[in-house]
Amino acid sequence: SMTITNEDGEEDRDALTYERQDFWETTSNKQLNFLQHIVTILKAHGKAAVVLPDNVLFEGGAGEKIRRKLLETCDVHTILRLPTGIFYANGVKANVVFFDAKPKDGKVHTAGVWFYDLRTNRHFTLKTRPLKYEDLQDFIRSYNPANRHQRTETECFKYYPYETLVARDKASLDVFWLKDASLDNLDNLPTP
């Protein structure tokens, strides 16, 4: 099975908390619930590409627990950091999280995650500079889904092992390494 989707976040019931036995955590965060729902509908070896806002990658509490379970139970192999300016809501920071469902066997299934930064030092708008297919060509070449073991790091494409990611504060997957040219003091950039 394959799931490609985007959680639009337009639901009015912001405070609604879902209590589902098939979810890892109970939370009122719609995006975290959406991610948990995707995992529950994937069959073993199913593939997903889910567009999620940045907060899903770094939020504490239920967010941390859900990220840890996702990394353990699925093979989270790629995160594409999308540029701002490509959605109707201005300034939205989002990512595409690519993962494969795995059998429930108690093993950790994520060896490491490849991050592609299409955001830093890139400027897109919906009207004057929209994101085009050509802008994704380097990511498509780097992604190489048929031969993930042959991927190589580039300036925009970096690999972080599972142990490094789960050791980060709150198991944050909000990883960045490129220096933003628009920042005044580049020496104060946090370490990835």
Protein backbone atom coordinates (compact mmCIF):
# COMPACT_ATOMS: atom_id res chain seq x y z
CA SER A 1 0.00 0.00 0.00
CA MET A 2 1.09 3.59 -0.56
CA THR A 3 -0.20 6.74 1.08
CA ILE A 4 0.60 10.26 -0.12
CA THR A 5 -1.27 12.93 1.74
CA ASN A 6 -1.37 16.39 3.26
CA GLU A 7 -3.04 17.31 6.56
CA ASP A 8 -4.73 20.60 5.77
CA GLY A 9 -5.41 21.68 9.35
CA GLU A 10 -8.73 23.36 8.55
CA GLU A 11 -10.76 21.52 11.18
CA ASP A 12 -12.61 23.83 13.61
CA ARG A 13 -12.49 21.45 16.54
CA ASP A 14 -9.02 22.47 17.76
CA ALA A 15 -9.48 21.12 21.28
CA LEU A 16 -10.75 17.71 20.18
CA THR A 17 -8.70 14.90 21.69
CA TYR A 18 -8.77 11.52 20.00
CA GLU A 19 -8.57 8.45 22.19
CA ARG A 20 -7.97 5.52 19.91
CA GLN A 21 -6.52 2.26 21.09
CA ASP A 22 -4.47 1.98 17.92
CA PHE A 23 -2.76 5.36 18.55
CA TRP A 24 0.48 5.51 20.53
CA GLU A 25 -0.49 8.74 22.31
CA THR A 26 -3.65 10.69 23.09
CA THR A 27 -3.31 14.32 22.03
CA SER A 28 -5.37 17.25 20.79
CA ASN A 29 -2.68 18.04 18.18
CA LYS A 30 -4.38 17.31 14.85
CA GLN A 31 -1.15 16.89 12.94
CA LEU A 32 0.22 14.33 15.42
CA ASN A 33 -3.10 12.46 15.31
CA PHE A 34 -3.01 12.59 11.51
CA LEU A 35 0.46 11.03 11.50
CA GLN A 36 -0.65 8.31 13.91
CA HIS A 37 -3.68 7.62 11.72
CA ILE A 38 -1.50 7.21 8.62
CA VAL A 39 0.65 4.65 10.45
CA THR A 40 -2.43 2.68 11.51
CA ILE A 41 -3.80 2.39 7.96
CA LEU A 42 -0.54 1.29 6.33
CA LYS A 43 -0.04 -2.42 5.86
CA ALA A 44 3.39 -3.94 6.51
CA HIS A 45 5.81 -2.72 3.82
CA GLY A 46 3.38 0.04 2.81
CA LYS A 47 4.90 3.40 1.90
CA ALA A 48 3.90 6.89 3.01
CA ALA A 49 4.88 10.45 2.12
CA VAL A 50 3.18 12.82 4.56
CA VAL A 51 3.28 16.63 4.45
CA LEU A 52 3.54 17.89 8.03
CA PRO A 53 4.29 21.25 9.66
CA ASP A 54 7.62 21.80 11.42
CA ASN A 55 6.12 21.53 14.90
CA VAL A 56 5.53 17.79 14.39
CA LEU A 57 9.31 17.41 14.11
CA PHE A 58 10.20 19.12 17.40
CA GLU A 59 7.17 19.39 19.71
CA GLY A 60 7.67 17.83 23.15
CA GLY A 61 5.34 15.64 25.19
CA ALA A 62 3.18 13.51 22.93
CA GLY A 63 5.17 14.74 19.92
CA GLU A 64 8.41 13.29 21.27
CA LYS A 65 6.77 9.97 22.13
CA ILE A 66 5.15 9.71 18.70
CA ARG A 67 8.45 10.51 16.91
CA ARG A 68 10.27 7.87 18.94
CA LYS A 69 7.59 5.25 18.17
CA LEU A 70 7.57 6.21 14.49
CA LEU A 71 11.36 5.81 14.27
CA GLU A 72 11.17 2.46 16.06
CA THR A 73 8.22 0.85 14.30
CA CYS A 74 8.62 2.26 10.78
CA ASP A 75 11.58 2.87 8.51
CA VAL A 76 11.65 6.68 8.45
CA HIS A 77 14.22 7.13 5.70
CA THR A 78 13.84 10.66 4.26
CA ILE A 79 12.64 14.10 5.30
CA LEU A 80 12.31 16.82 2.67
CA ARG A 81 12.39 20.31 4.26
CA LEU A 82 10.01 22.27 2.05
CA PRO A 83 10.59 25.95 1.32
CA THR A 84 8.29 28.63 2.66
CA GLY A 85 6.10 30.48 0.17
CA ILE A 86 4.63 27.43 -1.55
CA PHE A 87 1.36 27.27 0.43
CA TYR A 88 -1.48 29.79 0.53
CA ALA A 89 -0.85 30.51 4.21
CA ASN A 90 2.21 32.75 4.15
CA GLY A 91 5.28 31.59 6.07
CA VAL A 92 4.13 28.00 6.60
CA LYS A 93 7.10 25.74 7.28
CA ALA A 94 6.44 22.15 6.30
CA ASN A 95 8.21 18.91 5.50
CA VAL A 96 7.50 15.72 3.62
CA VAL A 97 8.23 12.73 5.85
CA PHE A 98 8.84 9.52 3.88
CA PHE A 99 8.53 6.21 5.70
CA ASP A 100 7.77 2.54 5.16
CA ALA A 101 5.61 0.47 7.50
CA LYS A 102 7.32 -2.60 8.90
CA PRO A 103 6.08 -5.78 10.57
CA LYS A 104 5.43 -5.47 14.30
CA ASP A 105 8.42 -7.50 15.47
CA GLY A 106 9.88 -5.38 18.29
CA LYS A 107 12.91 -4.30 16.24
CA VAL A 108 13.99 -0.71 15.60
CA HIS A 109 13.38 -0.23 11.88
CA THR A 110 14.95 3.19 11.24
CA ALA A 111 18.71 2.92 10.77
CA GLY A 112 19.00 6.62 9.98
CA VAL A 113 17.25 9.47 8.21
CA TRP A 114 18.32 11.40 5.12
CA PHE A 115 17.38 15.09 5.25
CA TYR A 116 17.12 17.19 2.10
CA ASP A 117 17.04 20.97 2.70
CA LEU A 118 15.01 22.65 -0.03
CA ARG A 119 14.30 25.57 2.33
CA THR A 120 17.50 27.34 3.38
CA ASN A 121 18.50 30.14 0.99
CA ARG A 122 15.62 29.28 -1.37
CA HIS A 123 12.87 31.78 -2.05
CA PHE A 124 9.55 30.86 -3.62
CA THR A 125 6.17 32.57 -3.84
CA LEU A 126 2.87 31.34 -5.19
CA LYS A 127 2.61 34.04 -7.85
CA THR A 128 6.00 35.44 -8.88
CA ARG A 129 8.35 32.50 -8.15
CA PRO A 130 6.35 29.28 -7.72
CA LEU A 131 8.04 25.97 -6.94
CA LYS A 132 8.48 24.05 -10.21
CA TYR A 133 9.39 20.51 -11.16
CA GLU A 134 12.87 21.68 -12.12
CA ASP A 135 13.41 22.92 -8.56
CA LEU A 136 12.95 19.35 -7.33
CA GLN A 137 15.38 17.67 -9.74
CA ASP A 138 18.33 17.54 -7.33
CA PHE A 139 16.10 16.06 -4.62
CA ILE A 140 14.72 13.47 -7.06
CA ARG A 141 18.26 12.45 -8.05
CA SER A 142 19.39 12.32 -4.43
CA TYR A 143 16.28 10.48 -3.21
CA ASN A 144 16.99 7.42 -5.37
CA PRO A 145 14.30 5.18 -3.78
CA ALA A 146 15.33 2.01 -5.59
CA ASN A 147 18.89 2.20 -4.24
CA ARG A 148 18.74 4.03 -0.93
CA HIS A 149 21.91 2.26 0.23
CA GLN A 150 23.77 4.03 -2.61
CA ARG A 151 22.80 7.56 -1.59
CA THR A 152 25.60 10.06 -1.11
CA GLU A 153 25.71 13.22 0.95
CA THR A 154 25.69 16.60 -0.77
CA GLU A 155 25.48 20.16 0.49
CA CYS A 156 21.67 19.85 0.68
CA PHE A 157 21.36 16.12 1.48
CA LYS A 158 22.68 14.79 4.80
CA TYR A 159 22.39 11.53 6.70
CA TYR A 160 21.87 11.28 10.46
CA PRO A 161 22.00 7.87 12.18
CA TYR A 162 19.13 6.74 14.41
CA GLU A 163 21.27 6.96 17.57
CA THR A 164 22.13 10.61 16.86
CA LEU A 165 18.48 11.54 16.27
CA VAL A 166 17.02 9.88 19.36
CA ALA A 167 19.79 11.42 21.50
CA ARG A 168 18.72 14.93 20.45
CA ASP A 169 16.58 17.00 22.83
CA LYS A 170 13.01 15.62 22.56
CA ALA A 171 14.22 13.35 19.73
CA SER A 172 13.83 16.41 17.51
CA LEU A 173 13.81 15.76 13.78
CA ASP A 174 14.01 19.50 13.06
CA VAL A 175 17.52 19.15 11.66
CA PHE A 176 19.29 21.88 9.75
CA TRP A 177 22.93 22.44 8.87
CA LEU A 178 23.04 25.03 6.09
CA LYS A 179 23.71 28.61 7.09
CA ASP A 180 20.92 30.95 6.10
CA ALA A 181 22.40 33.86 4.15
CA SER A 182 19.67 36.14 5.51
CA LEU A 183 20.82 35.71 9.12
CA ASP A 184 22.84 38.60 10.53
CA ASN A 185 25.18 36.59 12.72
CA LEU A 186 26.00 33.26 11.11
CA ASP A 187 28.25 32.23 14.00
CA ASN A 188 25.23 31.82 16.30
CA LEU A 189 23.61 29.10 14.19
CA PRO A 190 22.66 26.19 16.48
CA THR A 191 24.39 22.88 15.89
CA PRO A 192 22.29 20.29 14.03
